[in-house]
């Protein structure tokens, strides 16, 4: 499916983090009223907002960089302290995890840990599995990381998920399009890929279709 022009849902001229933070409680109430597909769309839109506000920073292979969150104690609730988070490097699944937690969960900072292995715990993986199918998580991960197969992916290792080769090829081609065009600037490539994935989910009403 053609991606078209990447949409920017908000274009703030000043203090974007403060403006984003002012929406947190209101957005959580709206999120609670949506069905699963609607929640996935709202998560995707929220990730675009967080990228614009520089609360989340797209980085391939990063999961959630706990090093940027050292000011928080392991026992502190992520949702309750979300307004204090800024410039946290994440991969596509890490972004989905953080946005979902902000809306709908009570993970602690200690739960997300310093490596992707922390996502293997049922407490953390449930946050994603509650709204995204295993196959969708695998496709999103492969599209962002540029994987030609899912053998080494978090989604495959955690859920035992696999897909036909042609599905992996679609996800890989999705990623390769950005790699070929923007390979000189890895950070820019990661941001554009994540934006494109989230816009794809929005355009397809809650489903990623590379």
N, C-alpha and C. Protein backbone atom coordinates (compact mmCIF):
# COMPACT_ATOMS: atom_id res chain seq x y z
N UNK A 1 0.85 -1.21 0.00
CA UNK A 1 0.00 0.00 0.00
C UNK A 1 0.88 1.25 0.00
N UNK A 2 0.50 2.19 -0.82
CA UNK A 2 1.27 3.43 -0.88
C UNK A 2 1.12 4.20 0.43
N UNK A 3 2.23 4.74 0.92
CA UNK A 3 2.21 5.45 2.19
C UNK A 3 1.72 6.89 2.06
N UNK A 4 1.95 7.47 0.87
CA UNK A 4 1.56 8.86 0.71
C UNK A 4 2.42 9.78 1.53
N UNK A 5 1.97 10.98 1.70
CA UNK A 5 2.72 11.97 2.47
C UNK A 5 2.57 11.71 3.96
N UNK A 6 3.68 11.74 4.67
CA UNK A 6 3.65 11.52 6.11
C UNK A 6 2.96 12.70 6.79
N UNK A 7 1.99 12.37 7.64
CA UNK A 7 1.18 13.40 8.29
C UNK A 7 1.82 13.84 9.60
N UNK A 8 1.83 15.11 9.84
CA UNK A 8 2.20 15.66 11.15
C UNK A 8 0.90 16.17 11.78
N UNK A 9 0.49 15.55 12.89
CA UNK A 9 -0.80 15.88 13.46
C UNK A 9 -0.78 17.19 14.24
N UNK A 10 0.40 17.55 14.77
CA UNK A 10 0.51 18.81 15.48
C UNK A 10 1.81 19.48 15.07
N UNK A 11 1.79 20.77 15.00
CA UNK A 11 2.98 21.51 14.63
C UNK A 11 3.13 22.68 15.60
N UNK A 12 3.75 22.42 16.74
CA UNK A 12 3.89 23.44 17.76
C UNK A 12 5.11 24.31 17.50
N UNK A 13 4.98 25.58 17.78
CA UNK A 13 6.08 26.51 17.56
C UNK A 13 6.91 26.74 18.81
N UNK A 14 6.37 26.43 20.00
CA UNK A 14 7.14 26.65 21.21
C UNK A 14 6.69 25.70 22.32
N UNK A 15 7.62 25.37 23.19
CA UNK A 15 7.37 24.56 24.38
C UNK A 15 6.51 23.33 24.08
N UNK A 16 6.92 22.48 23.14
CA UNK A 16 6.08 21.35 22.76
C UNK A 16 5.89 20.32 23.87
N UNK A 17 6.89 20.10 24.73
CA UNK A 17 6.74 19.12 25.80
C UNK A 17 5.67 19.55 26.78
N UNK A 18 5.67 20.84 27.15
CA UNK A 18 4.65 21.34 28.09
C UNK A 18 3.26 21.21 27.49
N UNK A 19 3.12 21.50 26.21
CA UNK A 19 1.81 21.40 25.57
C UNK A 19 1.36 19.94 25.47
N UNK A 20 2.32 19.06 25.20
CA UNK A 20 1.98 17.63 25.17
C UNK A 20 1.54 17.17 26.56
N UNK A 21 2.31 17.53 27.58
CA UNK A 21 2.02 17.08 28.94
C UNK A 21 0.64 17.54 29.42
N UNK A 22 0.21 18.70 28.93
CA UNK A 22 -1.08 19.23 29.35
C UNK A 22 -2.25 18.37 28.87
N UNK A 23 -2.00 17.49 27.89
CA UNK A 23 -3.04 16.66 27.31
C UNK A 23 -3.16 15.28 27.99
N UNK A 24 -2.20 14.91 28.82
CA UNK A 24 -2.07 13.52 29.26
C UNK A 24 -3.34 12.99 29.92
N UNK A 25 -3.87 13.68 30.92
CA UNK A 25 -5.05 13.18 31.63
C UNK A 25 -6.28 13.13 30.74
N UNK A 26 -6.46 14.15 29.92
CA UNK A 26 -7.61 14.20 29.01
C UNK A 26 -7.54 13.07 27.99
N UNK A 27 -6.35 12.82 27.46
CA UNK A 27 -6.18 11.76 26.47
C UNK A 27 -6.43 10.38 27.07
N UNK A 28 -6.03 10.17 28.33
CA UNK A 28 -6.24 8.88 28.98
C UNK A 28 -7.73 8.56 29.11
N UNK A 29 -8.54 9.55 29.41
CA UNK A 29 -9.98 9.35 29.52
C UNK A 29 -10.59 9.00 28.15
N UNK A 30 -10.12 9.67 27.12
CA UNK A 30 -10.60 9.37 25.77
C UNK A 30 -10.20 7.96 25.36
N UNK A 31 -8.97 7.58 25.66
CA UNK A 31 -8.44 6.26 25.30
C UNK A 31 -9.29 5.15 25.91
N UNK A 32 -9.71 5.32 27.13
CA UNK A 32 -10.46 4.29 27.85
C UNK A 32 -11.80 3.96 27.18
N UNK A 33 -12.34 4.89 26.41
CA UNK A 33 -13.65 4.71 25.79
C UNK A 33 -13.59 4.03 24.42
N UNK A 34 -12.38 3.82 23.87
CA UNK A 34 -12.22 3.31 22.52
C UNK A 34 -12.17 1.79 22.49
N UNK A 35 -12.52 1.21 21.32
CA UNK A 35 -12.31 -0.23 21.14
C UNK A 35 -10.84 -0.48 20.82
N UNK A 36 -10.45 -1.74 20.65
CA UNK A 36 -9.03 -2.08 20.48
C UNK A 36 -8.41 -1.40 19.26
N UNK A 37 -9.12 -1.40 18.14
CA UNK A 37 -8.59 -0.76 16.93
C UNK A 37 -8.43 0.74 17.13
N UNK A 38 -9.43 1.34 17.77
CA UNK A 38 -9.36 2.77 18.05
C UNK A 38 -8.20 3.11 18.98
N UNK A 39 -7.94 2.23 19.93
CA UNK A 39 -6.81 2.45 20.84
C UNK A 39 -5.48 2.37 20.09
N UNK A 40 -5.37 1.45 19.15
CA UNK A 40 -4.12 1.35 18.36
C UNK A 40 -3.91 2.61 17.53
N UNK A 41 -4.99 3.13 16.97
CA UNK A 41 -4.89 4.38 16.21
C UNK A 41 -4.44 5.52 17.13
N UNK A 42 -5.03 5.58 18.31
CA UNK A 42 -4.66 6.67 19.24
C UNK A 42 -3.22 6.51 19.72
N UNK A 43 -2.76 5.28 19.91
CA UNK A 43 -1.36 5.04 20.28
C UNK A 43 -0.44 5.55 19.17
N UNK A 44 -0.77 5.23 17.92
CA UNK A 44 0.04 5.68 16.79
C UNK A 44 0.09 7.20 16.71
N UNK A 45 -1.06 7.84 16.88
CA UNK A 45 -1.10 9.31 16.86
C UNK A 45 -0.28 9.89 18.01
N UNK A 46 -0.39 9.24 19.17
CA UNK A 46 0.34 9.73 20.34
C UNK A 46 1.85 9.61 20.14
N UNK A 47 2.29 8.55 19.50
CA UNK A 47 3.73 8.39 19.24
C UNK A 47 4.22 9.50 18.31
N UNK A 48 3.41 9.86 17.32
CA UNK A 48 3.79 10.98 16.45
C UNK A 48 3.92 12.28 17.25
N UNK A 49 3.01 12.48 18.18
CA UNK A 49 3.08 13.66 19.04
C UNK A 49 4.35 13.65 19.89
N UNK A 50 4.67 12.49 20.44
CA UNK A 50 5.84 12.39 21.30
C UNK A 50 7.14 12.56 20.51
N UNK A 51 7.17 12.10 19.27
CA UNK A 51 8.34 12.33 18.43
C UNK A 51 8.50 13.82 18.14
N UNK A 52 7.39 14.48 17.85
CA UNK A 52 7.43 15.93 17.60
C UNK A 52 7.89 16.70 18.83
N UNK A 53 7.42 16.26 19.99
CA UNK A 53 7.74 16.96 21.23
C UNK A 53 9.11 16.57 21.78
N UNK A 54 9.76 15.59 21.15
CA UNK A 54 11.06 15.09 21.60
C UNK A 54 10.99 14.42 22.97
N UNK A 55 9.81 13.90 23.33
CA UNK A 55 9.73 13.06 24.52
C UNK A 55 10.30 11.68 24.21
N UNK A 56 9.97 11.18 23.03
CA UNK A 56 10.54 9.94 22.53
C UNK A 56 11.43 10.25 21.33
N UNK A 57 12.54 9.53 21.21
CA UNK A 57 13.47 9.69 20.10
C UNK A 57 13.63 8.34 19.42
N UNK A 58 13.31 8.26 18.14
CA UNK A 58 13.37 6.99 17.41
C UNK A 58 14.82 6.58 17.16
N UNK A 59 15.15 5.37 17.60
CA UNK A 59 16.49 4.83 17.37
C UNK A 59 16.40 3.33 17.13
N UNK A 60 16.92 2.89 16.01
CA UNK A 60 16.90 1.48 15.67
C UNK A 60 17.71 0.68 16.70
N UNK A 61 17.16 -0.47 17.12
CA UNK A 61 17.87 -1.35 18.03
C UNK A 61 17.93 -0.90 19.48
N UNK A 62 17.09 0.05 19.88
CA UNK A 62 17.21 0.67 21.19
C UNK A 62 16.23 0.13 22.23
N UNK A 63 15.10 -0.47 21.87
CA UNK A 63 14.05 -0.87 22.81
C UNK A 63 13.60 0.39 23.55
N UNK A 64 13.81 0.49 24.86
CA UNK A 64 13.62 1.72 25.62
C UNK A 64 14.92 1.97 26.36
N UNK A 65 15.55 3.10 26.10
CA UNK A 65 16.86 3.35 26.71
C UNK A 65 16.69 3.83 28.13
N UNK A 66 16.85 2.91 29.05
CA UNK A 66 16.66 3.23 30.45
C UNK A 66 17.68 4.25 30.94
N UNK A 67 18.82 4.35 30.23
CA UNK A 67 19.86 5.30 30.67
C UNK A 67 19.36 6.73 30.66
N UNK A 68 18.35 7.02 29.84
CA UNK A 68 17.80 8.37 29.79
C UNK A 68 16.79 8.61 30.92
N UNK A 69 16.50 7.56 31.70
CA UNK A 69 15.49 7.66 32.74
C UNK A 69 16.07 7.43 34.13
N UNK A 70 17.37 7.68 34.29
CA UNK A 70 18.04 7.41 35.56
C UNK A 70 17.51 8.25 36.72
N UNK A 71 16.86 9.38 36.41
CA UNK A 71 16.37 10.24 37.49
C UNK A 71 15.19 9.61 38.22
N UNK A 72 14.64 8.52 37.67
CA UNK A 72 13.49 7.87 38.28
C UNK A 72 13.91 6.63 39.06
N UNK A 73 13.25 6.41 40.18
CA UNK A 73 13.47 5.22 40.97
C UNK A 73 12.76 4.03 40.33
N UNK A 74 13.32 2.82 40.47
CA UNK A 74 12.73 1.63 39.87
C UNK A 74 11.30 1.38 40.34
N UNK A 75 10.95 1.85 41.53
CA UNK A 75 9.63 1.59 42.09
C UNK A 75 8.58 2.63 41.68
N UNK A 76 9.01 3.67 40.95
CA UNK A 76 8.07 4.72 40.55
C UNK A 76 7.23 4.29 39.36
N UNK A 77 5.97 4.72 39.37
CA UNK A 77 5.01 4.40 38.32
C UNK A 77 5.28 5.25 37.08
N UNK A 78 5.38 4.60 35.92
CA UNK A 78 5.68 5.32 34.67
C UNK A 78 4.54 6.28 34.32
N UNK A 79 3.31 5.78 34.37
CA UNK A 79 2.17 6.61 34.00
C UNK A 79 2.08 7.87 34.86
N UNK A 80 2.28 7.71 36.18
CA UNK A 80 2.17 8.84 37.10
C UNK A 80 3.27 9.88 36.88
N UNK A 81 4.37 9.45 36.28
CA UNK A 81 5.51 10.35 36.08
C UNK A 81 5.77 10.66 34.60
N UNK A 82 4.77 10.38 33.76
CA UNK A 82 5.03 10.50 32.32
C UNK A 82 5.34 11.92 31.89
N UNK A 83 4.79 12.89 32.57
CA UNK A 83 5.03 14.28 32.19
C UNK A 83 6.50 14.67 32.36
N UNK A 84 7.26 13.91 33.15
CA UNK A 84 8.66 14.23 33.41
C UNK A 84 9.62 13.59 32.41
N UNK A 85 9.11 12.68 31.60
CA UNK A 85 9.97 11.98 30.64
C UNK A 85 10.28 12.89 29.46
N UNK A 86 11.54 12.87 29.01
CA UNK A 86 11.91 13.60 27.81
C UNK A 86 13.12 12.94 27.16
N UNK A 87 13.16 13.01 25.84
CA UNK A 87 14.28 12.53 25.03
C UNK A 87 14.65 11.09 25.38
N UNK A 88 13.65 10.22 25.41
CA UNK A 88 13.87 8.80 25.70
C UNK A 88 13.99 8.03 24.39
N UNK A 89 15.17 7.46 24.08
CA UNK A 89 15.35 6.70 22.84
C UNK A 89 14.53 5.40 22.88
N UNK A 90 13.84 5.11 21.77
CA UNK A 90 13.00 3.92 21.68
C UNK A 90 13.04 3.34 20.27
N UNK A 91 12.83 2.02 20.17
CA UNK A 91 12.54 1.41 18.88
C UNK A 91 11.03 1.47 18.68
N UNK A 92 10.52 0.88 17.61
CA UNK A 92 9.08 0.97 17.34
C UNK A 92 8.25 0.28 18.41
N UNK A 93 8.68 -0.92 18.85
CA UNK A 93 7.94 -1.62 19.90
C UNK A 93 8.09 -0.90 21.24
N UNK A 94 9.26 -0.34 21.49
CA UNK A 94 9.45 0.44 22.71
C UNK A 94 8.54 1.65 22.74
N UNK A 95 8.36 2.30 21.59
CA UNK A 95 7.45 3.44 21.51
C UNK A 95 6.02 3.02 21.80
N UNK A 96 5.60 1.88 21.23
CA UNK A 96 4.25 1.36 21.48
C UNK A 96 4.07 1.02 22.96
N UNK A 97 5.11 0.45 23.56
CA UNK A 97 5.05 0.11 24.98
C UNK A 97 4.89 1.36 25.85
N UNK A 98 5.70 2.38 25.57
CA UNK A 98 5.65 3.58 26.39
C UNK A 98 4.30 4.31 26.23
N UNK A 99 3.83 4.43 24.99
CA UNK A 99 2.56 5.12 24.76
C UNK A 99 1.40 4.36 25.41
N UNK A 100 1.40 3.04 25.28
CA UNK A 100 0.34 2.23 25.87
C UNK A 100 0.37 2.33 27.39
N UNK A 101 1.57 2.31 27.96
CA UNK A 101 1.71 2.42 29.41
C UNK A 101 1.20 3.77 29.89
N UNK A 102 1.48 4.81 29.13
CA UNK A 102 1.01 6.15 29.51
C UNK A 102 -0.51 6.20 29.58
N UNK A 103 -1.16 5.48 28.66
CA UNK A 103 -2.62 5.51 28.62
C UNK A 103 -3.28 4.54 29.60
N UNK A 104 -2.66 3.35 29.78
CA UNK A 104 -3.48 2.22 30.18
C UNK A 104 -2.87 1.26 31.19
N UNK A 105 -1.73 1.58 31.79
CA UNK A 105 -1.09 0.56 32.59
C UNK A 105 -0.34 1.18 33.75
N UNK A 106 0.16 0.34 34.63
CA UNK A 106 0.89 0.83 35.79
C UNK A 106 2.22 0.11 35.95
N UNK A 107 2.98 0.04 34.88
CA UNK A 107 4.34 -0.49 34.96
C UNK A 107 5.21 0.48 35.76
N UNK A 108 6.20 -0.07 36.40
CA UNK A 108 7.20 0.73 37.10
C UNK A 108 8.41 0.91 36.19
N UNK A 109 9.24 1.91 36.48
CA UNK A 109 10.44 2.11 35.68
C UNK A 109 11.36 0.88 35.75
N UNK A 110 11.36 0.21 36.90
CA UNK A 110 12.17 -0.99 37.03
C UNK A 110 11.69 -2.14 36.17
N UNK A 111 10.41 -2.12 35.75
CA UNK A 111 9.86 -3.19 34.93
C UNK A 111 10.40 -3.18 33.51
N UNK A 112 10.69 -1.99 32.98
CA UNK A 112 11.10 -1.94 31.58
C UNK A 112 12.58 -2.26 31.41
N UNK A 113 13.39 -2.09 32.47
CA UNK A 113 14.76 -2.57 32.47
C UNK A 113 15.65 -2.00 31.38
N UNK A 114 16.94 -2.38 31.38
CA UNK A 114 17.91 -1.81 30.44
C UNK A 114 18.01 -2.54 29.11
N UNK A 115 17.42 -3.73 28.98
CA UNK A 115 17.55 -4.50 27.74
C UNK A 115 16.20 -5.04 27.30
N UNK A 116 16.14 -5.49 26.05
CA UNK A 116 14.89 -5.99 25.49
C UNK A 116 14.43 -7.25 26.21
N UNK A 117 15.33 -7.93 26.92
CA UNK A 117 14.95 -9.16 27.62
C UNK A 117 13.85 -8.89 28.65
N UNK A 118 13.78 -7.65 29.13
CA UNK A 118 12.74 -7.30 30.10
C UNK A 118 11.34 -7.39 29.47
N UNK A 119 11.26 -7.28 28.16
CA UNK A 119 9.96 -7.38 27.50
C UNK A 119 9.47 -8.82 27.48
N UNK A 120 10.34 -9.78 27.81
CA UNK A 120 9.94 -11.18 27.82
C UNK A 120 9.09 -11.52 29.04
N UNK A 121 9.08 -10.67 30.03
CA UNK A 121 8.27 -10.94 31.22
C UNK A 121 6.80 -10.76 30.89
N UNK A 122 5.96 -11.60 31.49
CA UNK A 122 4.54 -11.55 31.18
C UNK A 122 3.93 -10.20 31.54
N UNK A 123 4.44 -9.57 32.57
CA UNK A 123 3.91 -8.28 33.01
C UNK A 123 4.07 -7.22 31.94
N UNK A 124 5.22 -7.25 31.24
CA UNK A 124 5.51 -6.24 30.21
C UNK A 124 4.91 -6.65 28.87
N UNK A 125 5.09 -7.90 28.47
CA UNK A 125 4.59 -8.33 27.16
C UNK A 125 3.07 -8.22 27.07
N UNK A 126 2.39 -8.37 28.21
CA UNK A 126 0.93 -8.26 28.22
C UNK A 126 0.46 -6.88 27.79
N UNK A 127 1.25 -5.86 28.12
CA UNK A 127 0.88 -4.49 27.76
C UNK A 127 0.70 -4.37 26.26
N UNK A 128 1.61 -5.00 25.50
CA UNK A 128 1.52 -4.95 24.04
C UNK A 128 0.51 -5.95 23.50
N UNK A 129 0.52 -7.18 24.04
CA UNK A 129 -0.37 -8.22 23.53
C UNK A 129 -1.85 -7.92 23.77
N UNK A 130 -2.13 -7.08 24.74
CA UNK A 130 -3.52 -6.74 25.03
C UNK A 130 -4.17 -6.03 23.86
N UNK A 131 -3.37 -5.30 23.06
CA UNK A 131 -3.92 -4.50 21.97
C UNK A 131 -3.41 -4.89 20.59
N UNK A 132 -2.20 -5.45 20.51
CA UNK A 132 -1.60 -5.80 19.22
C UNK A 132 -1.48 -7.33 19.11
N UNK A 133 -1.80 -7.87 17.94
CA UNK A 133 -1.59 -9.30 17.73
C UNK A 133 -0.09 -9.58 17.65
N UNK A 134 0.30 -10.83 17.91
CA UNK A 134 1.71 -11.21 17.82
C UNK A 134 2.25 -10.94 16.42
N UNK A 135 1.43 -11.22 15.41
CA UNK A 135 1.86 -11.01 14.02
C UNK A 135 2.09 -9.53 13.73
N UNK A 136 1.23 -8.67 14.26
CA UNK A 136 1.40 -7.24 14.06
C UNK A 136 2.67 -6.73 14.73
N UNK A 137 2.94 -7.22 15.94
CA UNK A 137 4.16 -6.81 16.64
C UNK A 137 5.40 -7.21 15.84
N UNK A 138 5.36 -8.40 15.26
CA UNK A 138 6.50 -8.88 14.47
C UNK A 138 6.68 -8.04 13.21
N UNK A 139 5.59 -7.73 12.52
CA UNK A 139 5.68 -6.90 11.31
C UNK A 139 6.20 -5.50 11.62
N UNK A 140 5.68 -4.90 12.68
CA UNK A 140 6.12 -3.56 13.06
C UNK A 140 7.60 -3.56 13.40
N UNK A 141 8.04 -4.57 14.14
CA UNK A 141 9.45 -4.65 14.51
C UNK A 141 10.33 -4.84 13.28
N UNK A 142 9.95 -5.76 12.41
CA UNK A 142 10.77 -6.03 11.22
C UNK A 142 10.83 -4.82 10.30
N UNK A 143 9.72 -4.10 10.18
CA UNK A 143 9.70 -2.91 9.32
C UNK A 143 10.61 -1.81 9.87
N UNK A 144 10.63 -1.65 11.18
CA UNK A 144 11.46 -0.59 11.76
C UNK A 144 12.94 -0.98 11.78
N UNK A 145 13.22 -2.24 12.13
CA UNK A 145 14.60 -2.67 12.26
C UNK A 145 15.22 -3.12 10.93
N UNK A 146 14.39 -3.31 9.91
CA UNK A 146 14.92 -3.73 8.61
C UNK A 146 15.32 -5.19 8.57
N UNK A 147 14.56 -6.04 9.25
CA UNK A 147 14.86 -7.48 9.30
C UNK A 147 14.25 -8.19 8.10
N UNK A 148 15.02 -9.08 7.50
CA UNK A 148 14.52 -9.86 6.36
C UNK A 148 13.79 -11.11 6.84
N UNK A 149 14.09 -11.56 8.07
CA UNK A 149 13.34 -12.64 8.71
C UNK A 149 13.12 -12.23 10.16
N UNK A 150 12.23 -12.93 10.83
CA UNK A 150 11.93 -12.58 12.21
C UNK A 150 12.64 -13.43 13.24
N UNK A 151 13.61 -14.24 12.80
CA UNK A 151 14.22 -15.22 13.70
C UNK A 151 14.87 -14.58 14.92
N UNK A 152 15.51 -13.44 14.74
CA UNK A 152 16.22 -12.81 15.86
C UNK A 152 15.40 -11.70 16.51
N UNK A 153 14.14 -11.59 16.13
CA UNK A 153 13.32 -10.50 16.63
C UNK A 153 12.78 -10.79 18.02
N UNK A 154 12.49 -9.72 18.73
CA UNK A 154 11.86 -9.84 20.05
C UNK A 154 10.52 -10.55 19.94
N UNK A 155 9.70 -10.14 18.97
CA UNK A 155 8.36 -10.70 18.85
C UNK A 155 8.40 -12.20 18.59
N UNK A 156 9.31 -12.63 17.73
CA UNK A 156 9.42 -14.05 17.41
C UNK A 156 9.91 -14.85 18.61
N UNK A 157 10.94 -14.34 19.29
CA UNK A 157 11.52 -15.05 20.43
C UNK A 157 10.56 -15.09 21.62
N UNK A 158 9.80 -14.04 21.80
CA UNK A 158 8.90 -13.97 22.95
C UNK A 158 7.62 -14.76 22.75
N UNK A 159 7.03 -14.65 21.57
CA UNK A 159 5.72 -15.26 21.35
C UNK A 159 5.76 -16.49 20.44
N UNK A 160 6.94 -16.82 19.91
CA UNK A 160 7.04 -17.95 18.99
C UNK A 160 6.34 -17.67 17.67
N UNK A 161 6.23 -16.41 17.33
CA UNK A 161 5.49 -15.99 16.14
C UNK A 161 6.35 -16.10 14.89
N UNK A 162 5.73 -16.51 13.80
CA UNK A 162 6.42 -16.49 12.51
C UNK A 162 5.41 -16.10 11.43
N UNK A 163 5.93 -15.70 10.29
CA UNK A 163 5.08 -15.26 9.18
C UNK A 163 5.62 -15.82 7.88
N UNK A 164 4.80 -15.89 6.84
CA UNK A 164 5.29 -16.31 5.52
C UNK A 164 6.38 -15.37 5.01
N UNK A 165 7.28 -15.89 4.18
CA UNK A 165 8.41 -15.11 3.69
C UNK A 165 7.97 -13.84 2.97
N UNK A 166 6.84 -13.91 2.25
CA UNK A 166 6.41 -12.72 1.51
C UNK A 166 5.98 -11.59 2.44
N UNK A 167 5.48 -11.94 3.64
CA UNK A 167 5.12 -10.91 4.60
C UNK A 167 6.36 -10.22 5.16
N UNK A 168 7.40 -11.02 5.44
CA UNK A 168 8.66 -10.43 5.88
C UNK A 168 9.25 -9.54 4.80
N UNK A 169 9.11 -9.97 3.55
CA UNK A 169 9.66 -9.20 2.43
C UNK A 169 8.98 -7.83 2.34
N UNK A 170 7.68 -7.79 2.56
CA UNK A 170 6.96 -6.51 2.53
C UNK A 170 7.46 -5.58 3.63
N UNK A 171 7.66 -6.13 4.83
CA UNK A 171 8.16 -5.32 5.94
C UNK A 171 9.57 -4.84 5.67
N UNK A 172 10.41 -5.73 5.11
CA UNK A 172 11.79 -5.37 4.80
C UNK A 172 11.84 -4.29 3.73
N UNK A 173 11.02 -4.42 2.69
CA UNK A 173 10.98 -3.42 1.63
C UNK A 173 10.51 -2.07 2.17
N UNK A 174 9.59 -2.11 3.10
CA UNK A 174 9.11 -0.88 3.76
C UNK A 174 10.28 -0.16 4.41
N UNK A 175 11.12 -0.91 5.13
CA UNK A 175 12.28 -0.32 5.80
C UNK A 175 13.35 0.10 4.81
N UNK A 176 13.58 -0.73 3.79
CA UNK A 176 14.66 -0.48 2.85
C UNK A 176 14.44 0.79 2.04
N UNK A 177 13.19 1.14 1.83
CA UNK A 177 12.87 2.37 1.11
C UNK A 177 13.48 3.58 1.80
N UNK A 178 13.40 3.61 3.13
CA UNK A 178 13.96 4.72 3.90
C UNK A 178 15.48 4.61 4.01
N UNK A 179 15.98 3.38 4.12
CA UNK A 179 17.42 3.18 4.23
C UNK A 179 18.13 3.67 2.97
N UNK A 180 17.59 3.38 1.82
CA UNK A 180 18.21 3.77 0.56
C UNK A 180 18.17 5.29 0.36
N UNK A 181 17.12 5.91 0.82
CA UNK A 181 16.96 7.34 0.58
C UNK A 181 17.66 8.20 1.61
N UNK A 182 17.73 7.71 2.86
CA UNK A 182 18.23 8.56 3.94
C UNK A 182 19.38 7.93 4.72
N UNK A 183 20.13 7.01 4.11
CA UNK A 183 21.14 6.24 4.83
C UNK A 183 22.26 7.11 5.41
N UNK A 184 22.46 8.30 4.88
CA UNK A 184 23.53 9.17 5.39
C UNK A 184 23.21 9.63 6.81
N UNK A 185 21.95 9.77 7.11
CA UNK A 185 21.52 10.27 8.42
C UNK A 185 20.70 9.19 9.12
N UNK A 186 21.36 8.36 9.94
CA UNK A 186 20.68 7.23 10.58
C UNK A 186 19.56 7.69 11.49
N UNK A 187 19.77 8.78 12.22
CA UNK A 187 18.75 9.26 13.15
C UNK A 187 17.52 9.73 12.38
N UNK A 188 17.73 10.45 11.29
CA UNK A 188 16.62 10.91 10.47
C UNK A 188 15.87 9.72 9.87
N UNK A 189 16.62 8.70 9.43
CA UNK A 189 16.00 7.51 8.86
C UNK A 189 15.09 6.84 9.88
N UNK A 190 15.57 6.67 11.11
CA UNK A 190 14.77 6.03 12.15
C UNK A 190 13.49 6.81 12.43
N UNK A 191 13.60 8.12 12.51
CA UNK A 191 12.43 8.95 12.77
C UNK A 191 11.41 8.83 11.64
N UNK A 192 11.87 8.91 10.42
CA UNK A 192 10.96 8.82 9.28
C UNK A 192 10.30 7.45 9.18
N UNK A 193 11.05 6.40 9.47
CA UNK A 193 10.47 5.06 9.46
C UNK A 193 9.38 4.92 10.52
N UNK A 194 9.68 5.40 11.72
CA UNK A 194 8.68 5.29 12.77
C UNK A 194 7.44 6.11 12.45
N UNK A 195 7.64 7.31 11.93
CA UNK A 195 6.50 8.13 11.53
C UNK A 195 5.67 7.43 10.46
N UNK A 196 6.34 6.81 9.49
CA UNK A 196 5.63 6.13 8.40
C UNK A 196 4.85 4.92 8.92
N UNK A 197 5.43 4.17 9.84
CA UNK A 197 4.73 3.03 10.42
C UNK A 197 3.48 3.49 11.16
N UNK A 198 3.62 4.54 11.96
CA UNK A 198 2.48 5.02 12.73
C UNK A 198 1.40 5.61 11.83
N UNK A 199 1.80 6.31 10.80
CA UNK A 199 0.82 6.83 9.84
C UNK A 199 0.11 5.71 9.11
N UNK A 200 0.83 4.63 8.81
CA UNK A 200 0.24 3.46 8.17
C UNK A 200 -0.83 2.85 9.07
N UNK A 201 -0.54 2.74 10.35
CA UNK A 201 -1.52 2.20 11.31
C UNK A 201 -2.76 3.09 11.37
N UNK A 202 -2.55 4.39 11.36
CA UNK A 202 -3.67 5.33 11.40
C UNK A 202 -4.51 5.21 10.13
N UNK A 203 -3.84 5.19 8.98
CA UNK A 203 -4.54 5.12 7.70
C UNK A 203 -5.33 3.82 7.53
N UNK A 204 -4.82 2.75 8.14
CA UNK A 204 -5.47 1.44 8.02
C UNK A 204 -6.30 1.09 9.25
N UNK A 205 -6.70 2.11 9.99
CA UNK A 205 -7.66 1.99 11.10
C UNK A 205 -7.21 1.00 12.16
N UNK A 206 -5.93 1.08 12.50
CA UNK A 206 -5.44 0.30 13.62
C UNK A 206 -4.63 -0.92 13.26
N UNK A 207 -4.37 -1.14 11.97
CA UNK A 207 -3.59 -2.30 11.53
C UNK A 207 -2.43 -1.85 10.67
N UNK A 208 -1.23 -2.39 10.94
CA UNK A 208 -0.07 -2.09 10.11
C UNK A 208 -0.06 -2.98 8.89
N UNK A 209 -0.09 -2.38 7.70
CA UNK A 209 -0.09 -3.11 6.44
C UNK A 209 1.03 -2.58 5.57
N UNK A 210 2.23 -3.18 5.64
CA UNK A 210 3.37 -2.65 4.86
C UNK A 210 3.18 -2.88 3.37
